Amino acid sequence: MKKNIVILSKPISWVSLMLIVVPPVLYFTDAVTMEIMNALLLAGTLIWFVTAPLWMRGE
């Protein structure tokens, strides 16, 4: 069970990092509004802080 959580949390945390990196670029190119960018940044941050400790404990 614990190994499954580690296997699932690692890719989820990498996707959350993409939610932190990509939205500012999209905002800079006027592809999204500031409200959408802020929402994506908040979601990415929250997901990162929940999932990253799950797989970083063993490393």
C-alpha atoms as a PDB file:
ATOM      1  CA  MET A   1       0.000   0.000   0.000  1.00  0.00           C
ATOM      2  CA  LYS A   2       2.736   2.444   0.970  1.00  0.00           C
ATOM      3  CA  LYS A   3       4.672   1.753  -2.231  1.00  0.00           C
ATOM      4  CA  ASN A   4       1.530   2.468  -4.288  1.00  0.00           C
ATOM      5  CA  ILE A   5       1.198   5.856  -2.641  1.00  0.00           C
ATOM      6  CA  VAL A   6       4.806   6.678  -3.481  1.00  0.00           C
ATOM      7  CA  ILE A   7       4.353   5.535  -7.081  1.00  0.00           C
ATOM      8  CA  LEU A   8       1.229   7.680  -7.486  1.00  0.00           C
ATOM      9  CA  SER A   9       2.428  10.753  -5.621  1.00  0.00           C
ATOM     10  CA  LYS A  10       5.606  11.250  -7.647  1.00  0.00           C
ATOM     11  CA  PRO A  11       3.979  11.910 -11.050  1.00  0.00           C
ATOM     12  CA  ILE A  12       1.207  13.915  -9.411  1.00  0.00           C
ATOM     13  CA  SER A  13       3.767  16.177  -7.767  1.00  0.00           C
ATOM     14  CA  TRP A  14       5.573  16.649 -11.098  1.00  0.00           C
ATOM     15  CA  VAL A  15       2.286  17.667 -12.724  1.00  0.00           C
ATOM     16  CA  SER A  16       1.731  20.130  -9.895  1.00  0.00           C
ATOM     17  CA  LEU A  17       5.120  21.673 -10.650  1.00  0.00           C
ATOM     18  CA  MET A  18       3.957  22.153 -14.214  1.00  0.00           C
ATOM     19  CA  LEU A  19       0.909  23.959 -12.789  1.00  0.00           C
ATOM     20  CA  ILE A  20       3.354  26.329 -11.120  1.00  0.00           C
ATOM     21  CA  VAL A  21       5.609  26.911 -14.147  1.00  0.00           C
ATOM     22  CA  VAL A  22       3.234  27.014 -17.130  1.00  0.00           C
ATOM     23  CA  PRO A  23       0.496  29.487 -16.054  1.00  0.00           C
ATOM     24  CA  PRO A  24       2.826  32.521 -15.768  1.00  0.00           C
ATOM     25  CA  VAL A  25       4.067  31.818 -19.296  1.00  0.00           C
ATOM     26  CA  LEU A  26       0.491  31.566 -20.523  1.00  0.00           C
ATOM     27  CA  TYR A  27      -0.353  34.820 -18.760  1.00  0.00           C
ATOM     28  CA  PHE A  28       2.673  36.519 -20.305  1.00  0.00           C
ATOM     29  CA  THR A  29       1.435  35.484 -23.761  1.00  0.00           C
ATOM     30  CA  ASP A  30      -2.119  36.646 -22.933  1.00  0.00           C
ATOM     31  CA  ALA A  31      -3.496  33.125 -23.211  1.00  0.00           C
ATOM     32  CA  VAL A  32      -5.101  33.200 -19.740  1.00  0.00           C
ATOM     33  CA  THR A  33      -6.352  35.874 -17.388  1.00  0.00           C
ATOM     34  CA  MET A  34      -4.725  36.729 -14.097  1.00  0.00           C
ATOM     35  CA  GLU A  35      -7.578  35.080 -12.181  1.00  0.00           C
ATOM     36  CA  ILE A  36      -7.073  31.775 -13.988  1.00  0.00           C
ATOM     37  CA  MET A  37      -3.306  31.998 -13.522  1.00  0.00           C
ATOM     38  CA  ASN A  38      -3.695  32.627  -9.793  1.00  0.00           C
ATOM     39  CA  ALA A  39      -6.120  29.723  -9.434  1.00  0.00           C
ATOM     40  CA  LEU A  40      -3.738  27.361 -11.242  1.00  0.00           C
ATOM     41  CA  LEU A  41      -0.783  28.541  -9.171  1.00  0.00           C
ATOM     42  CA  LEU A  42      -2.710  27.988  -5.952  1.00  0.00           C
ATOM     43  CA  ALA A  43      -3.838  24.528  -7.056  1.00  0.00           C
ATOM     44  CA  GLY A  44      -0.313  23.558  -8.084  1.00  0.00           C
ATOM     45  CA  THR A  45       1.136  24.778  -4.800  1.00  0.00           C
ATOM     46  CA  LEU A  46      -1.412  22.940  -2.675  1.00  0.00           C
ATOM     47  CA  ILE A  47      -1.017  19.717  -4.644  1.00  0.00           C
ATOM     48  CA  TRP A  48       2.781  19.952  -4.407  1.00  0.00           C
ATOM     49  CA  PHE A  49       2.767  20.394  -0.625  1.00  0.00           C
ATOM     50  CA  VAL A  50       0.432  17.423  -0.212  1.00  0.00           C
ATOM     51  CA  THR A  51       2.144  14.988  -2.601  1.00  0.00           C
ATOM     52  CA  ALA A  52       5.869  15.820  -2.477  1.00  0.00           C
ATOM     53  CA  PRO A  53       6.463  14.791   1.162  1.00  0.00           C
ATOM     54  CA  LEU A  54       4.929  11.390   0.434  1.00  0.00           C
ATOM     55  CA  TRP A  55       7.683  10.379  -1.971  1.00  0.00           C
ATOM     56  CA  MET A  56      10.512  12.529  -0.608  1.00  0.00           C
ATOM     57  CA  ARG A  57      10.502  10.830   2.801  1.00  0.00           C
ATOM     58  CA  GLY A  58      12.418   7.830   1.555  1.00  0.00           C
ATOM     59  CA  GLU A  59      15.021   9.787  -0.400  1.00  0.00           C
END
